[in-house]
N, C-alpha and C. Protein backbone atom coordinates (compact mmCIF):
# COMPACT_ATOMS: atom_id res chain seq x y z
N MET A 1 1.03 -1.27 -0.22
CA MET A 1 -0.18 0.23 0.04
C MET A 1 0.93 1.28 -0.15
N ALA A 2 0.85 2.11 -0.89
CA ALA A 2 1.30 3.34 -0.68
C ALA A 2 1.13 4.74 0.03
N TRP A 3 -0.07 4.86 0.02
CA TRP A 3 -0.78 6.05 0.63
C TRP A 3 -0.36 5.60 2.28
N LYS A 4 0.10 6.22 3.33
CA LYS A 4 0.00 5.72 4.64
C LYS A 4 -0.14 7.03 5.53
N VAL A 5 -0.72 6.80 6.53
CA VAL A 5 -0.94 8.40 7.39
C VAL A 5 -0.42 8.30 8.72
N PRO A 6 0.37 9.26 8.98
CA PRO A 6 1.36 9.05 10.63
C PRO A 6 0.52 9.25 11.22
N ASP A 7 -0.49 8.86 11.97
CA ASP A 7 -1.46 9.18 12.68
C ASP A 7 -0.51 9.84 13.86
N HIS A 8 0.63 9.32 14.78
CA HIS A 8 1.40 9.78 15.64
C HIS A 8 1.83 11.55 15.67
N LEU A 9 1.49 11.66 14.22
CA LEU A 9 2.03 13.17 14.36
C LEU A 9 0.69 14.00 14.00
N ARG A 10 -0.56 13.68 14.48
CA ARG A 10 -1.97 14.03 13.67
C ARG A 10 -2.10 14.90 15.08
N ILE A 11 -2.55 16.20 14.67
CA ILE A 11 -2.87 17.68 15.71
C ILE A 11 -4.55 17.45 15.48
N GLN A 12 -5.11 17.91 16.41
CA GLN A 12 -6.60 18.28 16.47
C GLN A 12 -6.65 19.56 16.21
N LEU A 13 -7.56 20.29 15.33
CA LEU A 13 -7.80 21.66 15.40
C LEU A 13 -8.92 22.08 16.18
N ALA A 14 -8.98 23.20 16.79
CA ALA A 14 -9.99 24.06 17.23
C ALA A 14 -11.14 24.18 16.12
N ALA A 15 -12.43 24.41 16.90
CA ALA A 15 -13.29 24.46 16.23
C ALA A 15 -13.49 26.19 15.75
N PRO A 16 -13.72 26.57 14.28
CA PRO A 16 -14.10 25.89 13.68
C PRO A 16 -13.61 25.35 12.26
N TRP A 17 -13.30 24.45 12.67
CA TRP A 17 -11.99 23.88 11.57
C TRP A 17 -13.02 22.49 11.57
N PRO A 18 -12.92 21.69 10.76
CA PRO A 18 -13.53 20.90 10.33
C PRO A 18 -12.81 19.43 10.98
N GLN A 19 -12.93 18.55 11.77
CA GLN A 19 -12.15 17.20 12.08
C GLN A 19 -12.67 16.45 11.28
N THR A 20 -11.74 15.49 10.28
CA THR A 20 -11.99 14.45 9.71
C THR A 20 -12.16 13.16 10.66
N THR A 21 -12.88 12.03 9.90
CA THR A 21 -13.23 11.04 10.90
C THR A 21 -12.73 9.61 9.82
N ASP A 22 -12.16 9.94 8.77
CA ASP A 22 -11.88 8.95 7.77
C ASP A 22 -10.25 8.29 8.12
N GLY A 23 -9.74 9.09 8.70
CA GLY A 23 -8.40 8.68 8.62
C GLY A 23 -7.38 9.16 7.90
N GLU A 24 -8.19 9.19 6.45
CA GLU A 24 -7.35 9.47 5.30
C GLU A 24 -6.52 11.26 5.04
N ASN A 25 -7.49 12.13 6.01
CA ASN A 25 -7.32 13.52 5.59
C ASN A 25 -6.56 13.98 7.28
N GLY A 26 -6.30 14.75 7.12
CA GLY A 26 -5.76 15.63 8.83
C GLY A 26 -4.83 16.92 8.44
N VAL A 27 -4.43 16.80 9.98
CA VAL A 27 -3.52 18.19 9.63
C VAL A 27 -2.42 17.22 10.81
N PHE A 28 -1.09 17.31 10.52
CA PHE A 28 0.33 16.87 10.96
C PHE A 28 0.81 18.19 11.41
N ALA A 29 1.97 17.80 12.30
CA ALA A 29 3.17 18.50 12.79
C ALA A 29 4.22 17.73 12.88
N LEU A 30 4.92 18.08 12.63
CA LEU A 30 6.64 17.48 12.77
C LEU A 30 7.66 18.40 13.11
N LYS A 31 8.25 17.97 14.40
CA LYS A 31 9.52 18.70 14.38
C LYS A 31 10.56 17.98 14.05
N ASN A 32 11.19 19.06 12.96
CA ASN A 32 12.86 18.44 12.36
C ASN A 32 14.08 19.05 12.74
N ALA A 33 14.78 18.66 11.94
CA ALA A 33 16.02 19.74 12.04
C ALA A 33 15.95 21.14 11.71
N GLU A 34 15.05 21.34 10.81
CA GLU A 34 14.37 22.28 10.38
C GLU A 34 13.56 23.21 11.50
N GLY A 35 13.11 22.91 12.21
CA GLY A 35 12.23 23.59 12.94
C GLY A 35 10.73 22.78 12.99
N TYR A 36 9.57 23.57 13.35
CA TYR A 36 8.31 22.75 13.19
C TYR A 36 8.05 22.53 11.70
N VAL A 37 7.32 21.77 10.90
CA VAL A 37 6.67 21.50 10.17
C VAL A 37 5.42 21.10 9.95
N ARG A 38 4.65 22.08 9.05
CA ARG A 38 3.05 21.76 9.33
C ARG A 38 2.61 20.88 8.15
N ILE A 39 1.80 20.48 8.02
CA ILE A 39 1.33 19.11 6.96
C ILE A 39 -0.03 19.07 7.27
N ILE A 40 -0.56 19.31 5.82
CA ILE A 40 -2.03 19.08 5.37
C ILE A 40 -1.84 17.89 4.58
N ALA A 41 -2.85 16.98 4.77
CA ALA A 41 -2.80 15.44 4.12
C ALA A 41 -4.12 15.57 3.53
N ALA A 42 -4.51 15.29 2.55
CA ALA A 42 -5.85 15.00 1.86
C ALA A 42 -5.80 14.17 0.59
N LYS A 43 -6.77 12.74 1.06
CA LYS A 43 -7.26 11.76 -0.24
C LYS A 43 -8.33 12.11 -1.06
N GLY A 44 -8.46 11.92 -2.13
CA GLY A 44 -9.62 11.98 -2.54
C GLY A 44 -9.70 12.92 -4.07
N ASP A 45 -10.99 12.91 -4.80
CA ASP A 45 -10.78 12.97 -6.20
C ASP A 45 -9.75 12.35 -6.82
N GLY A 46 -9.56 11.09 -6.68
CA GLY A 46 -8.47 11.00 -7.30
C GLY A 46 -6.77 11.28 -7.04
N TRP A 47 -6.97 11.99 -6.45
CA TRP A 47 -5.25 12.35 -5.51
C TRP A 47 -5.17 11.92 -4.33
N GLU A 48 -3.65 11.89 -4.15
CA GLU A 48 -3.22 11.84 -2.72
C GLU A 48 -2.27 13.44 -2.88
N HIS A 49 -2.58 14.15 -1.56
CA HIS A 49 -2.03 15.42 -1.35
C HIS A 49 -1.63 15.57 -0.48
N VAL A 50 -0.13 15.75 -0.13
CA VAL A 50 0.20 16.89 1.05
C VAL A 50 1.09 17.94 0.66
N SER A 51 0.46 19.15 2.07
CA SER A 51 1.34 20.38 1.89
C SER A 51 1.75 20.43 2.89
N VAL A 52 3.22 20.90 2.23
CA VAL A 52 4.16 21.25 3.50
C VAL A 52 4.92 22.49 3.83
N SER A 53 4.58 23.27 5.04
CA SER A 53 5.14 24.12 4.84
C SER A 53 5.69 24.48 6.50
N HIS A 54 6.52 25.97 6.30
CA HIS A 54 7.29 26.01 7.78
C HIS A 54 6.62 27.84 8.24
N ALA A 55 6.50 28.05 9.17
CA ALA A 55 5.89 29.54 9.52
C ALA A 55 6.70 30.80 8.54
N ASN A 56 8.10 30.56 8.32
CA ASN A 56 8.75 31.54 8.05
C ASN A 56 10.20 31.12 7.07
N LYS A 57 9.79 29.94 6.59
CA LYS A 57 10.49 29.57 5.69
C LYS A 57 10.13 28.55 4.58
N THR A 58 10.81 28.40 2.74
CA THR A 58 10.38 27.71 2.27
C THR A 58 11.32 25.96 2.88
N PRO A 59 10.16 24.56 2.96
CA PRO A 59 10.88 23.47 3.27
C PRO A 59 12.07 22.94 2.34
N SER A 60 12.81 22.34 2.96
CA SER A 60 13.98 21.97 2.40
C SER A 60 13.56 20.64 1.26
N TRP A 61 14.61 20.58 0.53
CA TRP A 61 14.52 18.74 -0.24
C TRP A 61 15.00 17.68 1.04
N ALA A 62 15.47 17.90 2.05
CA ALA A 62 15.64 17.01 3.01
C ALA A 62 14.68 17.18 3.91
N THR A 63 13.63 17.99 3.94
CA THR A 63 12.53 18.25 5.06
C THR A 63 11.33 17.21 3.61
N MET A 64 11.17 17.76 2.74
CA MET A 64 10.34 16.99 1.72
C MET A 64 10.63 15.67 1.44
N CYS A 65 11.66 15.22 1.68
CA CYS A 65 12.20 13.61 1.29
C CYS A 65 11.74 12.94 2.62
N GLN A 66 11.74 13.89 4.19
CA GLN A 66 11.23 13.71 5.21
C GLN A 66 9.90 13.11 5.24
N VAL A 67 9.37 14.19 4.60
CA VAL A 67 7.58 14.06 4.66
C VAL A 67 7.18 12.83 4.05
N LYS A 68 7.56 12.89 2.47
CA LYS A 68 7.49 11.71 1.50
C LYS A 68 7.57 10.41 2.21
N ALA A 69 8.54 10.41 2.99
CA ALA A 69 8.49 8.94 3.88
C ALA A 69 7.26 8.93 4.57
N LEU A 70 7.37 10.08 5.26
CA LEU A 70 6.11 9.76 6.01
C LEU A 70 4.44 9.01 5.62
N PHE A 71 4.00 9.45 4.41
CA PHE A 71 2.88 9.28 3.85
C PHE A 71 3.21 8.20 2.67
N TRP A 72 4.49 7.75 1.98
CA TRP A 72 4.36 7.16 0.82
C TRP A 72 5.61 5.87 1.43
N ASP A 73 5.41 4.89 0.21
CA ASP A 73 6.50 4.20 0.91
C ASP A 73 7.72 4.73 -0.22
N ASP A 74 8.91 4.09 0.32
CA ASP A 74 9.91 4.59 -0.66
C ASP A 74 10.04 4.37 -2.06
N ASP A 75 9.22 3.11 -2.50
CA ASP A 75 9.70 3.06 -4.02
C ASP A 75 7.99 3.33 -4.67
N THR A 76 7.65 4.28 -4.21
CA THR A 76 6.55 5.32 -4.81
C THR A 76 6.83 6.39 -5.31
N ALA A 77 6.78 6.86 -6.34
CA ALA A 77 6.96 7.80 -7.08
C ALA A 77 5.85 8.98 -6.64
N VAL A 78 6.34 10.16 -6.25
CA VAL A 78 5.19 11.58 -6.27
C VAL A 78 5.73 12.61 -6.80
N MET A 79 5.11 13.95 -7.09
CA MET A 79 5.33 14.94 -7.88
C MET A 79 5.30 16.15 -6.93
N GLN A 80 6.23 17.00 -7.09
CA GLN A 80 5.97 18.54 -7.12
C GLN A 80 5.57 18.96 -8.63
N VAL A 81 4.49 19.84 -8.61
CA VAL A 81 4.48 20.42 -10.02
C VAL A 81 4.65 21.81 -9.94
N HIS A 82 4.77 22.45 -11.10
CA HIS A 82 4.94 23.39 -11.94
C HIS A 82 4.17 23.74 -12.89
N PRO A 83 2.48 24.55 -12.52
CA PRO A 83 1.82 24.77 -13.58
C PRO A 83 1.95 25.75 -14.55
N PRO A 84 1.09 25.69 -15.26
CA PRO A 84 1.03 27.48 -15.80
C PRO A 84 0.82 28.49 -15.26
N ALA A 85 1.71 29.35 -15.55
CA ALA A 85 1.39 30.48 -14.80
C ALA A 85 -0.24 31.05 -14.04
N SER A 86 -1.07 30.96 -15.41
CA SER A 86 -2.39 31.22 -15.14
C SER A 86 -2.80 30.19 -14.13
N ASP A 87 -2.74 29.25 -13.87
CA ASP A 87 -3.44 28.23 -12.95
C ASP A 87 -2.20 28.30 -11.56
N TYR A 88 -1.33 29.33 -11.18
CA TYR A 88 -1.20 29.54 -9.58
C TYR A 88 -1.85 29.78 -8.92
N VAL A 89 -1.47 29.14 -7.95
CA VAL A 89 -2.38 29.84 -6.67
C VAL A 89 -0.81 29.67 -5.31
N ASN A 90 -1.23 30.34 -4.43
CA ASN A 90 0.38 30.71 -3.53
C ASN A 90 -0.88 31.46 -2.40
N PHE A 91 -1.52 30.61 -1.44
CA PHE A 91 -2.05 30.32 -0.56
C PHE A 91 -1.56 31.23 0.69
N HIS A 92 0.22 30.26 0.72
CA HIS A 92 0.70 30.32 1.70
C HIS A 92 2.40 30.69 1.12
N PRO A 93 2.88 31.61 1.53
CA PRO A 93 4.31 31.91 0.84
C PRO A 93 5.54 31.14 0.92
N HIS A 94 5.38 30.05 2.31
CA HIS A 94 6.54 29.22 1.90
C HIS A 94 5.77 27.57 2.37
N CYS A 95 4.80 27.21 1.30
CA CYS A 95 4.09 26.19 1.31
C CYS A 95 5.06 25.40 -0.13
N LEU A 96 5.12 24.14 -0.14
CA LEU A 96 5.31 23.06 -0.60
C LEU A 96 4.03 22.32 -1.05
N HIS A 97 4.01 21.37 -2.30
CA HIS A 97 2.97 20.40 -2.39
C HIS A 97 3.78 19.02 -2.80
N MET A 98 3.12 17.92 -2.57
CA MET A 98 3.63 16.71 -3.00
C MET A 98 1.75 15.81 -3.89
N TRP A 99 2.55 15.14 -4.64
CA TRP A 99 1.26 14.72 -5.28
C TRP A 99 1.41 13.41 -5.86
N ARG A 100 0.35 12.62 -5.86
CA ARG A 100 0.22 10.87 -6.49
C ARG A 100 -1.05 10.79 -7.06
N PRO A 101 -1.44 10.44 -8.10
CA PRO A 101 -2.79 9.87 -8.72
C PRO A 101 -2.81 8.87 -7.99
N GLU A 102 -4.18 8.49 -7.81
CA GLU A 102 -4.93 6.78 -6.90
C GLU A 102 -4.49 5.86 -7.94
N VAL A 103 -4.90 6.89 -9.27
CA VAL A 103 -4.55 5.22 -10.11
C VAL A 103 -3.51 5.56 -11.19
N GLY A 104 -2.77 4.70 -11.57
CA GLY A 104 -2.06 4.53 -12.37
C GLY A 104 -0.66 5.06 -11.65
N GLU A 105 0.29 5.30 -12.67
CA GLU A 105 1.94 5.62 -12.26
C GLU A 105 2.27 7.04 -12.89
N ILE A 106 2.95 7.67 -12.30
CA ILE A 106 3.71 8.58 -12.68
C ILE A 106 5.08 8.14 -13.59
N PRO A 107 4.87 9.03 -15.07
CA PRO A 107 5.83 8.56 -15.59
C PRO A 107 7.17 9.67 -15.39
N LEU A 108 8.20 8.39 -15.34
CA LEU A 108 9.60 9.11 -14.71
C LEU A 108 10.31 8.83 -16.26
N PRO A 109 11.46 10.10 -16.29
CA PRO A 109 12.26 9.88 -17.37
C PRO A 109 13.54 9.15 -16.43
N PRO A 110 14.10 8.32 -18.21
CA PRO A 110 15.26 7.69 -17.14
C PRO A 110 16.13 8.32 -16.21
N SER A 111 16.86 7.78 -15.34
CA SER A 111 17.38 8.12 -14.34
C SER A 111 18.75 9.02 -15.01
N TRP A 112 19.45 8.52 -16.15
CA TRP A 112 20.97 8.47 -16.70
C TRP A 112 20.43 10.44 -17.27
N MET A 113 19.32 10.55 -17.37
CA MET A 113 18.84 11.81 -17.79
C MET A 113 19.08 12.87 -16.73
N VAL A 114 19.48 12.17 -15.57
CA VAL A 114 19.64 13.21 -14.13
C VAL A 114 21.15 13.20 -13.62
N GLY A 115 21.52 12.07 -14.19
CA GLY A 115 22.78 12.15 -13.81
C GLY A 115 23.49 10.52 -13.26
N PRO A 116 24.71 10.25 -13.15
CA PRO A 116 24.71 9.15 -12.92
C PRO A 116 24.75 8.46 -11.94
N LYS A 117 24.41 7.09 -11.40
CA LYS A 117 24.16 6.59 -10.10
C LYS A 117 24.96 6.13 -9.67
């Protein structure tokens, strides 16, 4: 199973924020070497989605890898998307997103195009 939820990191929000009961979605907090990381996870409408943010800085590659490992298996590909400028949404200046379609696989380029292994 690719999608997993780190319930030990789940936080409960005060009203009026809705609480999810299905276990697939929620808000999570992680403390790592960069400080506190806020994570919002949602699964539905054909997508698995995680948003990752710090209060005052953009998450590093290391943080994104750490969060990816919390929600998906090592052998699962997820993606960060750079949409057309007309579709940009910037709700939080220090938030990055990871996505995975619930059906099918993300096509990947050959690894040699990135560099030698």
